[in-house]
C-alpha atoms as a PDB file:
ATOM      1  CA  UNK A   1      10.952   8.604 -12.931  1.00  0.00           C
ATOM      2  CA  UNK A   2       9.167   5.632 -11.255  1.00  0.00           C
ATOM      3  CA  UNK A   3       7.569   6.431  -7.923  1.00  0.00           C
ATOM      4  CA  UNK A   4       6.579   4.388  -4.960  1.00  0.00           C
ATOM      5  CA  UNK A   5       3.261   5.789  -3.553  1.00  0.00           C
ATOM      6  CA  UNK A   6       1.573   4.325  -0.474  1.00  0.00           C
ATOM      7  CA  UNK A   7      -2.181   4.428  -0.842  1.00  0.00           C
ATOM      8  CA  UNK A   8      -4.448   4.114   2.248  1.00  0.00           C
ATOM      9  CA  UNK A   9      -8.131   3.133   1.839  1.00  0.00           C
ATOM     10  CA  UNK A  10      -7.097   1.327  -1.422  1.00  0.00           C
ATOM     11  CA  UNK A  11      -9.852  -1.249  -1.471  1.00  0.00           C
ATOM     12  CA  UNK A  12     -12.659   1.005  -2.779  1.00  0.00           C
ATOM     13  CA  UNK A  13     -13.719   4.458  -3.895  1.00  0.00           C
ATOM     14  CA  UNK A  14     -11.085   7.080  -4.534  1.00  0.00           C
ATOM     15  CA  UNK A  15      -8.343   4.918  -3.030  1.00  0.00           C
ATOM     16  CA  UNK A  16      -9.073   2.049  -5.473  1.00  0.00           C
ATOM     17  CA  UNK A  17      -9.296   4.331  -8.402  1.00  0.00           C
ATOM     18  CA  UNK A  18      -6.000   6.122  -7.377  1.00  0.00           C
ATOM     19  CA  UNK A  19      -4.256   2.807  -7.035  1.00  0.00           C
ATOM     20  CA  UNK A  20      -5.467   1.520 -10.393  1.00  0.00           C
ATOM     21  CA  UNK A  21      -4.503   4.844 -12.034  1.00  0.00           C
ATOM     22  CA  UNK A  22      -1.011   4.934 -10.514  1.00  0.00           C
ATOM     23  CA  UNK A  23      -0.400   1.321 -11.602  1.00  0.00           C
ATOM     24  CA  UNK A  24      -1.465   2.253 -15.156  1.00  0.00           C
ATOM     25  CA  UNK A  25       1.050   5.168 -15.024  1.00  0.00           C
ATOM     26  CA  UNK A  26       3.811   2.707 -14.093  1.00  0.00           C
ATOM     27  CA  UNK A  27       4.197   3.603 -10.439  1.00  0.00           C
ATOM     28  CA  UNK A  28       4.638   1.124  -7.645  1.00  0.00           C
ATOM     29  CA  UNK A  29       1.729   1.120  -5.317  1.00  0.00           C
ATOM     30  CA  UNK A  30       1.788  -0.453  -1.794  1.00  0.00           C
ATOM     31  CA  UNK A  31      -1.952  -0.429  -0.974  1.00  0.00           C
ATOM     32  CA  UNK A  32      -3.333  -0.516   2.581  1.00  0.00           C
ATOM     33  CA  UNK A  33      -6.860  -1.262   3.639  1.00  0.00           C
ATOM     34  CA  UNK A  34      -8.863  -3.260   6.238  1.00  0.00           C
ATOM     35  CA  UNK A  35     -10.070  -5.515   3.426  1.00  0.00           C
ATOM     36  CA  UNK A  36      -8.448  -6.570   0.108  1.00  0.00           C
ATOM     37  CA  UNK A  37     -11.651  -7.846  -1.490  1.00  0.00           C
ATOM     38  CA  UNK A  38     -11.765  -5.389  -4.418  1.00  0.00           C
ATOM     39  CA  UNK A  39      -7.950  -5.367  -4.834  1.00  0.00           C
ATOM     40  CA  UNK A  40      -7.919  -9.065  -5.284  1.00  0.00           C
ATOM     41  CA  UNK A  41      -9.210  -8.505  -8.903  1.00  0.00           C
ATOM     42  CA  UNK A  42      -6.323  -6.105  -9.602  1.00  0.00           C
ATOM     43  CA  UNK A  43      -3.356  -8.149 -10.695  1.00  0.00           C
ATOM     44  CA  UNK A  44      -0.203  -6.083 -11.355  1.00  0.00           C
ATOM     45  CA  UNK A  45       3.462  -6.607 -10.612  1.00  0.00           C
ATOM     46  CA  UNK A  46       3.768  -3.165  -9.083  1.00  0.00           C
ATOM     47  CA  UNK A  47       0.972  -3.701  -6.598  1.00  0.00           C
ATOM     48  CA  UNK A  48       1.746  -4.728  -3.062  1.00  0.00           C
ATOM     49  CA  UNK A  49      -1.606  -5.193  -1.303  1.00  0.00           C
ATOM     50  CA  UNK A  50      -1.318  -4.936   2.546  1.00  0.00           C
ATOM     51  CA  UNK A  51      -4.231  -5.804   4.921  1.00  0.00           C
ATOM     52  CA  UNK A  52      -3.907  -3.555   7.935  1.00  0.00           C
ATOM     53  CA  UNK A  53      -6.364  -5.296  10.280  1.00  0.00           C
ATOM     54  CA  UNK A  54      -6.474  -3.504  13.638  1.00  0.00           C
ATOM     55  CA  UNK A  55      -3.881  -0.954  12.526  1.00  0.00           C
ATOM     56  CA  UNK A  56      -4.341   1.872  14.919  1.00  0.00           C
ATOM     57  CA  UNK A  57      -2.996   5.291  14.214  1.00  0.00           C
ATOM     58  CA  UNK A  58      -1.638   6.277  17.559  1.00  0.00           C
ATOM     59  CA  UNK A  59       1.399   8.516  17.990  1.00  0.00           C
ATOM     60  CA  UNK A  60       3.041   6.206  20.418  1.00  0.00           C
ATOM     61  CA  UNK A  61       6.115   3.917  20.481  1.00  0.00           C
ATOM     62  CA  UNK A  62       4.086   1.085  19.108  1.00  0.00           C
ATOM     63  CA  UNK A  63       2.889   3.162  16.214  1.00  0.00           C
ATOM     64  CA  UNK A  64       6.467   4.302  15.379  1.00  0.00           C
ATOM     65  CA  UNK A  65       7.733   0.726  15.498  1.00  0.00           C
ATOM     66  CA  UNK A  66       4.934  -0.586  13.317  1.00  0.00           C
ATOM     67  CA  UNK A  67       5.403   2.229  10.675  1.00  0.00           C
ATOM     68  CA  UNK A  68       9.305   1.574  10.818  1.00  0.00           C
ATOM     69  CA  UNK A  69       8.543  -2.139   9.993  1.00  0.00           C
ATOM     70  CA  UNK A  70       6.159  -1.089   7.192  1.00  0.00           C
ATOM     71  CA  UNK A  71       8.541   1.430   5.743  1.00  0.00           C
ATOM     72  CA  UNK A  72      11.432  -1.154   5.844  1.00  0.00           C
ATOM     73  CA  UNK A  73       9.262  -3.718   4.138  1.00  0.00           C
ATOM     74  CA  UNK A  74       8.052  -1.274   1.422  1.00  0.00           C
ATOM     75  CA  UNK A  75      11.700  -0.122   0.778  1.00  0.00           C
ATOM     76  CA  UNK A  76      12.924  -3.728   0.468  1.00  0.00           C
ATOM     77  CA  UNK A  77       9.918  -4.582  -1.928  1.00  0.00           C
ATOM     78  CA  UNK A  78      10.668  -1.492  -4.017  1.00  0.00           C
ATOM     79  CA  UNK A  79      14.340  -2.492  -4.427  1.00  0.00           C
ATOM     80  CA  UNK A  80      13.384  -5.952  -5.723  1.00  0.00           C
ATOM     81  CA  UNK A  81      11.088  -4.583  -8.421  1.00  0.00           C
END
């Protein structure tokens, strides 16, 4: 079964390794980080790199709205694949 797995900190270290491994396994990987420099060299149709500049993890109305938008975008992206 194909999975859609959101990876945070996907630009380097464990996050980058996890992203690359999941892609090799055939999963879809929306990948979030402050920079996409290292992800730029990873070309894969199941990769959705998302730069989250200034993304603040507050449990507020703003956070819920932003997460709702992100989840909607990821869901639509996954349906198209």
